[in-house]
Amino acid sequence: MNNDRRPLEELLKILRRMRAQLAVSLMQRASLAAGTDRLTRDEINTEIDAAREARRQRPAGDAYKA
């Protein structure tokens, strides 16, 4: 099937997939640059626990503030 004949939904699906792949690629590059690609599972879980605890300590209206 010719690309310009595909239904709009199919094109949107492809664009979303490409956007997600780009986002993952950018996250991987950022991880390499920051050195976080070498974190152990325990170190990752420690970071997650700390972030969750910090989120619990914030007032309810500050849900997305770092």
PDB file of N, CA and C in Angstrom:
ATOM      1  N   MET A   1       0.850  -1.179   0.000  1.00  0.00           N
ATOM      2  CA  MET A   1       0.000   0.000   0.000  1.00  0.00           C
ATOM      3  C   MET A   1       0.895   1.241   0.000  1.00  0.00           C
ATOM      4  N   ASN A   2       0.585   2.192  -0.818  1.00  0.00           N
ATOM      5  CA  ASN A   2       1.334   3.430  -0.931  1.00  0.00           C
ATOM      6  C   ASN A   2       1.143   4.275   0.332  1.00  0.00           C
ATOM      7  N   ASN A   3       2.241   4.875   0.840  1.00  0.00           N
ATOM      8  CA  ASN A   3       2.169   5.659   2.081  1.00  0.00           C
ATOM      9  C   ASN A   3       1.140   6.771   2.030  1.00  0.00           C
ATOM     10  N   ASP A   4       1.009   7.459   0.879  1.00  0.00           N
ATOM     11  CA  ASP A   4       0.069   8.578   0.834  1.00  0.00           C
ATOM     12  C   ASP A   4      -1.383   8.116   0.748  1.00  0.00           C
ATOM     13  N   ARG A   5      -1.625   6.831   0.663  1.00  0.00           N
ATOM     14  CA  ARG A   5      -2.999   6.305   0.646  1.00  0.00           C
ATOM     15  C   ARG A   5      -3.406   5.698   1.979  1.00  0.00           C
ATOM     16  N   ARG A   6      -2.503   5.657   2.920  1.00  0.00           N
ATOM     17  CA  ARG A   6      -2.835   5.069   4.223  1.00  0.00           C
ATOM     18  C   ARG A   6      -3.845   5.952   4.940  1.00  0.00           C
ATOM     19  N   PRO A   7      -4.703   5.328   5.703  1.00  0.00           N
ATOM     20  CA  PRO A   7      -5.661   6.128   6.489  1.00  0.00           C
ATOM     21  C   PRO A   7      -4.929   6.998   7.512  1.00  0.00           C
ATOM     22  N   LEU A   8      -5.521   8.089   7.855  1.00  0.00           N
ATOM     23  CA  LEU A   8      -4.938   9.020   8.811  1.00  0.00           C
ATOM     24  C   LEU A   8      -4.586   8.327  10.127  1.00  0.00           C
ATOM     25  N   GLU A   9      -5.419   7.423  10.587  1.00  0.00           N
ATOM     26  CA  GLU A   9      -5.169   6.736  11.849  1.00  0.00           C
ATOM     27  C   GLU A   9      -3.870   5.947  11.800  1.00  0.00           C
ATOM     28  N   GLU A  10      -3.602   5.302  10.671  1.00  0.00           N
ATOM     29  CA  GLU A  10      -2.373   4.527  10.528  1.00  0.00           C
ATOM     30  C   GLU A  10      -1.155   5.448  10.544  1.00  0.00           C
ATOM     31  N   LEU A  11      -1.248   6.577   9.883  1.00  0.00           N
ATOM     32  CA  LEU A  11      -0.144   7.534   9.887  1.00  0.00           C
ATOM     33  C   LEU A  11       0.101   8.076  11.291  1.00  0.00           C
ATOM     34  N   LEU A  12      -0.971   8.373  12.014  1.00  0.00           N
ATOM     35  CA  LEU A  12      -0.822   8.847  13.384  1.00  0.00           C
ATOM     36  C   LEU A  12      -0.178   7.784  14.265  1.00  0.00           C
ATOM     37  N   LYS A  13      -0.554   6.539  14.066  1.00  0.00           N
ATOM     38  CA  LYS A  13       0.025   5.431  14.823  1.00  0.00           C
ATOM     39  C   LYS A  13       1.533   5.351  14.578  1.00  0.00           C
ATOM     40  N   ILE A  14       1.931   5.488  13.337  1.00  0.00           N
ATOM     41  CA  ILE A  14       3.351   5.449  12.979  1.00  0.00           C
ATOM     42  C   ILE A  14       4.092   6.628  13.603  1.00  0.00           C
ATOM     43  N   LEU A  15       3.503   7.819  13.521  1.00  0.00           N
ATOM     44  CA  LEU A  15       4.137   9.004  14.105  1.00  0.00           C
ATOM     45  C   LEU A  15       4.289   8.872  15.618  1.00  0.00           C
ATOM     46  N   ARG A  16       3.282   8.334  16.281  1.00  0.00           N
ATOM     47  CA  ARG A  16       3.366   8.136  17.731  1.00  0.00           C
ATOM     48  C   ARG A  16       4.473   7.149  18.082  1.00  0.00           C
ATOM     49  N   ARG A  17       4.577   6.085  17.305  1.00  0.00           N
ATOM     50  CA  ARG A  17       5.621   5.087  17.544  1.00  0.00           C
ATOM     51  C   ARG A  17       7.006   5.715  17.355  1.00  0.00           C
ATOM     52  N   MET A  18       7.156   6.500  16.297  1.00  0.00           N
ATOM     53  CA  MET A  18       8.440   7.156  16.038  1.00  0.00           C
ATOM     54  C   MET A  18       8.780   8.151  17.151  1.00  0.00           C
ATOM     55  N   ARG A  19       7.779   8.865  17.622  1.00  0.00           N
ATOM     56  CA  ARG A  19       7.988   9.827  18.703  1.00  0.00           C
ATOM     57  C   ARG A  19       8.421   9.117  19.984  1.00  0.00           C
ATOM     58  N   ALA A  20       7.798   7.981  20.268  1.00  0.00           N
ATOM     59  CA  ALA A  20       8.172   7.205  21.451  1.00  0.00           C
ATOM     60  C   ALA A  20       9.593   6.662  21.317  1.00  0.00           C
ATOM     61  N   GLN A  21       9.943   6.180  20.130  1.00  0.00           N
ATOM     62  CA  GLN A  21      11.292   5.667  19.908  1.00  0.00           C
ATOM     63  C   GLN A  21      12.334   6.771  20.069  1.00  0.00           C
ATOM     64  N   LEU A  22      12.025   7.954  19.585  1.00  0.00           N
ATOM     65  CA  LEU A  22      12.936   9.087  19.741  1.00  0.00           C
ATOM     66  C   LEU A  22      13.097   9.442  21.218  1.00  0.00           C
ATOM     67  N   ALA A  23      12.000   9.436  21.957  1.00  0.00           N
ATOM     68  CA  ALA A  23      12.058   9.757  23.384  1.00  0.00           C
ATOM     69  C   ALA A  23      12.941   8.756  24.126  1.00  0.00           C
ATOM     70  N   VAL A  24      12.796   7.476  23.815  1.00  0.00           N
ATOM     71  CA  VAL A  24      13.624   6.451  24.455  1.00  0.00           C
ATOM     72  C   VAL A  24      15.091   6.661  24.102  1.00  0.00           C
ATOM     73  N   SER A  25      15.354   6.945  22.848  1.00  0.00           N
ATOM     74  CA  SER A  25      16.727   7.186  22.411  1.00  0.00           C
ATOM     75  C   SER A  25      17.346   8.373  23.147  1.00  0.00           C
ATOM     76  N   LEU A  26      16.582   9.440  23.300  1.00  0.00           N
ATOM     77  CA  LEU A  26      17.076  10.618  24.017  1.00  0.00           C
ATOM     78  C   LEU A  26      17.318  10.311  25.495  1.00  0.00           C
ATOM     79  N   MET A  27      16.442   9.513  26.102  1.00  0.00           N
ATOM     80  CA  MET A  27      16.637   9.124  27.498  1.00  0.00           C
ATOM     81  C   MET A  27      17.890   8.267  27.652  1.00  0.00           C
ATOM     82  N   GLN A  28      18.131   7.371  26.688  1.00  0.00           N
ATOM     83  CA  GLN A  28      19.326   6.537  26.742  1.00  0.00           C
ATOM     84  C   GLN A  28      20.589   7.390  26.634  1.00  0.00           C
ATOM     85  N   ARG A  29      20.587   8.357  25.734  1.00  0.00           N
ATOM     86  CA  ARG A  29      21.747   9.254  25.593  1.00  0.00           C
ATOM     87  C   ARG A  29      21.975  10.050  26.871  1.00  0.00           C
ATOM     88  N   ALA A  30      20.897  10.546  27.453  1.00  0.00           N
ATOM     89  CA  ALA A  30      21.015  11.314  28.693  1.00  0.00           C
ATOM     90  C   ALA A  30      21.560  10.436  29.816  1.00  0.00           C
ATOM     91  N   SER A  31      21.119   9.198  29.865  1.00  0.00           N
ATOM     92  CA  SER A  31      21.599   8.258  30.873  1.00  0.00           C
ATOM     93  C   SER A  31      23.092   7.998  30.715  1.00  0.00           C
ATOM     94  N   LEU A  32      23.528   7.814  29.479  1.00  0.00           N
ATOM     95  CA  LEU A  32      24.958   7.617  29.217  1.00  0.00           C
ATOM     96  C   LEU A  32      25.758   8.845  29.635  1.00  0.00           C
ATOM     97  N   ALA A  33      25.260  10.018  29.290  1.00  0.00           N
ATOM     98  CA  ALA A  33      25.961  11.262  29.609  1.00  0.00           C
ATOM     99  C   ALA A  33      26.053  11.483  31.120  1.00  0.00           C
ATOM    100  N   ALA A  34      25.009  11.094  31.838  1.00  0.00           N
ATOM    101  CA  ALA A  34      24.969  11.291  33.290  1.00  0.00           C
ATOM    102  C   ALA A  34      25.640  10.153  34.052  1.00  0.00           C
ATOM    103  N   GLY A  35      25.946   9.067  33.354  1.00  0.00           N
ATOM    104  CA  GLY A  35      26.553   7.914  34.007  1.00  0.00           C
ATOM    105  C   GLY A  35      25.561   7.020  34.720  1.00  0.00           C
ATOM    106  N   THR A  36      24.279   7.304  34.571  1.00  0.00           N
ATOM    107  CA  THR A  36      23.270   6.500  35.263  1.00  0.00           C
ATOM    108  C   THR A  36      23.009   5.165  34.583  1.00  0.00           C
ATOM    109  N   ASP A  37      23.623   4.942  33.429  1.00  0.00           N
ATOM    110  CA  ASP A  37      23.469   3.652  32.760  1.00  0.00           C
ATOM    111  C   ASP A  37      24.186   2.547  33.530  1.00  0.00           C
ATOM    112  N   ARG A  38      25.026   2.929  34.493  1.00  0.00           N
ATOM    113  CA  ARG A  38      25.783   1.937  35.253  1.00  0.00           C
ATOM    114  C   ARG A  38      25.206   1.688  36.645  1.00  0.00           C
ATOM    115  N   LEU A  39      24.041   2.245  36.944  1.00  0.00           N
ATOM    116  CA  LEU A  39      23.425   2.026  38.254  1.00  0.00           C
ATOM    117  C   LEU A  39      23.007   0.570  38.413  1.00  0.00           C
ATOM    118  N   THR A  40      23.186   0.048  39.621  1.00  0.00           N
ATOM    119  CA  THR A  40      22.717  -1.307  39.912  1.00  0.00           C
ATOM    120  C   THR A  40      21.217  -1.260  40.196  1.00  0.00           C
ATOM    121  N   ARG A  41      20.605  -2.420  40.227  1.00  0.00           N
ATOM    122  CA  ARG A  41      19.174  -2.500  40.550  1.00  0.00           C
ATOM    123  C   ARG A  41      18.910  -1.910  41.940  1.00  0.00           C
ATOM    124  N   ASP A  42      19.779  -2.213  42.894  1.00  0.00           N
ATOM    125  CA  ASP A  42      19.600  -1.676  44.244  1.00  0.00           C
ATOM    126  C   ASP A  42      19.709  -0.156  44.263  1.00  0.00           C
ATOM    127  N   GLU A  43      20.643   0.403  43.504  1.00  0.00           N
ATOM    128  CA  GLU A  43      20.786   1.860  43.437  1.00  0.00           C
ATOM    129  C   GLU A  43      19.557   2.502  42.796  1.00  0.00           C
ATOM    130  N   ILE A  44      19.028   1.864  41.771  1.00  0.00           N
ATOM    131  CA  ILE A  44      17.810   2.367  41.122  1.00  0.00           C
ATOM    132  C   ILE A  44      16.651   2.352  42.103  1.00  0.00           C
ATOM    133  N   ASN A  45      16.495   1.243  42.825  1.00  0.00           N
ATOM    134  CA  ASN A  45      15.405   1.141  43.793  1.00  0.00           C
ATOM    135  C   ASN A  45      15.556   2.161  44.918  1.00  0.00           C
ATOM    136  N   THR A  46      16.792   2.440  45.327  1.00  0.00           N
ATOM    137  CA  THR A  46      17.033   3.467  46.345  1.00  0.00           C
ATOM    138  C   THR A  46      16.591   4.835  45.837  1.00  0.00           C
ATOM    139  N   GLU A  47      16.911   5.150  44.587  1.00  0.00           N
ATOM    140  CA  GLU A  47      16.489   6.425  43.980  1.00  0.00           C
ATOM    141  C   GLU A  47      14.965   6.520  43.906  1.00  0.00           C
ATOM    142  N   ILE A  48      14.326   5.432  43.506  1.00  0.00           N
ATOM    143  CA  ILE A  48      12.859   5.408  43.413  1.00  0.00           C
ATOM    144  C   ILE A  48      12.241   5.631  44.783  1.00  0.00           C
ATOM    145  N   ASP A  49      12.752   4.919  45.790  1.00  0.00           N
ATOM    146  CA  ASP A  49      12.233   5.077  47.150  1.00  0.00           C
ATOM    147  C   ASP A  49      12.389   6.515  47.644  1.00  0.00           C
ATOM    148  N   ALA A  50      13.540   7.128  47.361  1.00  0.00           N
ATOM    149  CA  ALA A  50      13.778   8.511  47.792  1.00  0.00           C
ATOM    150  C   ALA A  50      12.817   9.473  47.096  1.00  0.00           C
ATOM    151  N   ALA A  51      12.586   9.268  45.808  1.00  0.00           N
ATOM    152  CA  ALA A  51      11.662  10.137  45.068  1.00  0.00           C
ATOM    153  C   ALA A  51      10.240   9.986  45.592  1.00  0.00           C
ATOM    154  N   ARG A  52       9.848   8.759  45.892  1.00  0.00           N
ATOM    155  CA  ARG A  52       8.498   8.529  46.423  1.00  0.00           C
ATOM    156  C   ARG A  52       8.335   9.169  47.796  1.00  0.00           C
ATOM    157  N   GLU A  53       9.346   9.042  48.620  1.00  0.00           N
ATOM    158  CA  GLU A  53       9.284   9.646  49.948  1.00  0.00           C
ATOM    159  C   GLU A  53       9.216  11.164  49.845  1.00  0.00           C
ATOM    160  N   ALA A  54      10.004  11.746  48.965  1.00  0.00           N
ATOM    161  CA  ALA A  54       9.972  13.200  48.771  1.00  0.00           C
ATOM    162  C   ALA A  54       8.600  13.644  48.285  1.00  0.00           C
ATOM    163  N   ARG A  55       7.995  12.861  47.419  1.00  0.00           N
ATOM    164  CA  ARG A  55       6.667  13.203  46.909  1.00  0.00           C
ATOM    165  C   ARG A  55       5.642  13.141  48.035  1.00  0.00           C
ATOM    166  N   ARG A  56       5.765  12.155  48.925  1.00  0.00           N
ATOM    167  CA  ARG A  56       4.825  12.042  50.045  1.00  0.00           C
ATOM    168  C   ARG A  56       4.964  13.214  51.018  1.00  0.00           C
ATOM    169  N   GLN A  57       6.152  13.787  51.105  1.00  0.00           N
ATOM    170  CA  GLN A  57       6.409  14.887  52.033  1.00  0.00           C
ATOM    171  C   GLN A  57       5.893  16.226  51.529  1.00  0.00           C
ATOM    172  N   ARG A  58       5.642  16.335  50.231  1.00  0.00           N
ATOM    173  CA  ARG A  58       5.173  17.607  49.652  1.00  0.00           C
ATOM    174  C   ARG A  58       3.681  17.801  49.920  1.00  0.00           C
ATOM    175  N   PRO A  59       3.264  19.056  50.025  1.00  0.00           N
ATOM    176  CA  PRO A  59       1.824  19.334  50.135  1.00  0.00           C
ATOM    177  C   PRO A  59       1.093  18.837  48.887  1.00  0.00           C
ATOM    178  N   ALA A  60      -0.172  18.515  49.026  1.00  0.00           N
ATOM    179  CA  ALA A  60      -0.951  17.922  47.931  1.00  0.00           C
ATOM    180  C   ALA A  60      -0.944  18.762  46.664  1.00  0.00           C
ATOM    181  N   GLY A  61      -0.954  20.070  46.756  1.00  0.00           N
ATOM    182  CA  GLY A  61      -0.999  20.927  45.575  1.00  0.00           C
ATOM    183  C   GLY A  61       0.313  21.013  44.810  1.00  0.00           C
ATOM    184  N   ASP A  62       1.389  20.483  45.366  1.00  0.00           N
ATOM    185  CA  ASP A  62       2.709  20.570  44.746  1.00  0.00           C
ATOM    186  C   ASP A  62       3.101  19.257  44.069  1.00  0.00           C
ATOM    187  N   ALA A  63       2.172  18.573  43.475  1.00  0.00           N
ATOM    188  CA  ALA A  63       2.395  17.225  42.955  1.00  0.00           C
ATOM    189  C   ALA A  63       3.542  17.110  41.968  1.00  0.00           C
ATOM    190  N   TYR A  64       3.780  18.126  41.138  1.00  0.00           N
ATOM    191  CA  TYR A  64       4.787  17.972  40.091  1.00  0.00           C
ATOM    192  C   TYR A  64       6.010  18.851  40.274  1.00  0.00           C
ATOM    193  N   LYS A  65       6.171  19.425  41.426  1.00  0.00           N
ATOM    194  CA  LYS A  65       7.355  20.249  41.670  1.00  0.00           C
ATOM    195  C   LYS A  65       8.504  19.358  42.107  1.00  0.00           C
ATOM    196  N   ALA A  66       9.672  19.643  41.585  1.00  0.00           N
ATOM    197  CA  ALA A  66      10.854  18.841  41.938  1.00  0.00           C
ATOM    198  C   ALA A  66      11.498  19.353  43.198  1.00  0.00           C
TER     199      ALA A  66
END
